[in-house]
Amino acid sequence: MKDIFNAIQELFETVLLAPYDALRALELENWFGANIVTWIFMAIGIVAFVYWMLQLKSFNDNNEEDKSISSHSYL
């Protein structure tokens, strides 16, 4: 039973978490290089947010949204 847990530990330490070890080592040399994944995700998030807001504006400008009160009177 102990061998199973040691195998799982070995899998995670040597295979699955190896990219994070490489990024940790890279951080000592180049901060921007180590955080490139973060910058990429931030750029994707900003682009998606701008796209979503432009889509909402286009639907609002075309009056395609049903703004009638349907469930509660306070809405």
Protein backbone atom coordinates (compact mmCIF):
# COMPACT_ATOMS: atom_id res chain seq x y z
CA MET A 1 0.00 0.00 0.00
CA LYS A 2 2.90 2.30 0.76
CA ASP A 3 4.29 1.74 -2.75
CA ILE A 4 1.09 3.10 -4.29
CA PHE A 5 1.37 6.36 -2.38
CA ASN A 6 5.07 6.63 -3.19
CA ALA A 7 4.25 6.10 -6.88
CA ILE A 8 1.65 8.86 -6.76
CA GLN A 9 4.15 11.14 -5.03
CA GLU A 10 6.80 10.38 -7.62
CA LEU A 11 4.35 11.03 -10.48
CA PHE A 12 3.40 14.43 -9.15
CA GLU A 13 6.91 15.52 -8.20
CA THR A 14 8.73 14.43 -11.35
CA VAL A 15 6.11 14.67 -14.10
CA LEU A 16 3.07 16.78 -13.33
CA LEU A 17 4.70 19.58 -11.34
CA ALA A 18 7.92 19.78 -13.36
CA PRO A 19 6.79 22.85 -15.35
CA TYR A 20 6.22 24.75 -12.11
CA ASP A 21 9.72 23.86 -10.94
CA ALA A 22 11.07 25.19 -14.22
CA LEU A 23 9.13 28.44 -13.80
CA ARG A 24 10.41 28.77 -10.23
CA ALA A 25 13.98 28.41 -11.45
CA LEU A 26 13.36 30.88 -14.29
CA GLU A 27 12.02 33.50 -11.87
CA LEU A 28 15.49 34.02 -10.42
CA GLU A 29 16.79 34.97 -13.87
CA ASN A 30 13.86 36.71 -15.57
CA TRP A 31 10.69 37.81 -13.77
CA PHE A 32 8.75 38.58 -16.94
CA GLY A 33 9.62 35.22 -18.45
CA ALA A 34 8.45 33.38 -15.36
CA ASN A 35 5.13 35.21 -15.37
CA ILE A 36 4.43 34.92 -19.10
CA VAL A 37 1.55 32.49 -18.47
CA THR A 38 -0.08 35.04 -16.17
CA TRP A 39 0.33 37.78 -18.77
CA ILE A 40 -1.19 35.56 -21.46
CA PHE A 41 -4.22 34.72 -19.31
CA MET A 42 -4.68 38.39 -18.41
CA ALA A 43 -4.60 39.35 -22.09
CA ILE A 44 -7.14 36.64 -22.96
CA GLY A 45 -9.39 37.83 -20.14
CA ILE A 46 -9.20 41.47 -21.25
CA VAL A 47 -9.95 40.56 -24.87
CA ALA A 48 -12.89 38.38 -23.81
CA PHE A 49 -14.25 41.13 -21.55
CA VAL A 50 -14.05 43.76 -24.31
CA TYR A 51 -15.70 41.38 -26.79
CA TRP A 52 -18.50 40.59 -24.33
CA MET A 53 -19.15 44.27 -23.59
CA LEU A 54 -19.26 45.09 -27.31
CA GLN A 55 -21.74 42.27 -27.89
CA LEU A 56 -23.92 43.50 -25.03
CA LYS A 57 -23.81 47.03 -26.44
CA SER A 58 -24.79 45.85 -29.91
CA PHE A 59 -27.77 43.89 -28.52
CA ASN A 60 -28.76 46.87 -26.41
CA ASP A 61 -28.51 49.25 -29.38
CA ASN A 62 -30.74 46.97 -31.51
CA ASN A 63 -33.35 46.71 -28.71
CA GLU A 64 -33.24 42.92 -28.98
CA GLU A 65 -33.40 42.34 -25.24
CA ASP A 66 -36.79 41.61 -23.71
CA LYS A 67 -36.98 44.06 -20.81
CA SER A 68 -40.54 43.30 -19.81
CA ILE A 69 -41.26 42.48 -16.16
CA SER A 70 -42.06 38.80 -15.95
CA SER A 71 -41.42 37.35 -12.51
CA HIS A 72 -41.36 40.07 -9.87
CA SER A 73 -42.80 43.53 -9.84
CA TYR A 74 -39.66 45.07 -8.38
CA LEU A 75 -37.57 44.00 -11.38
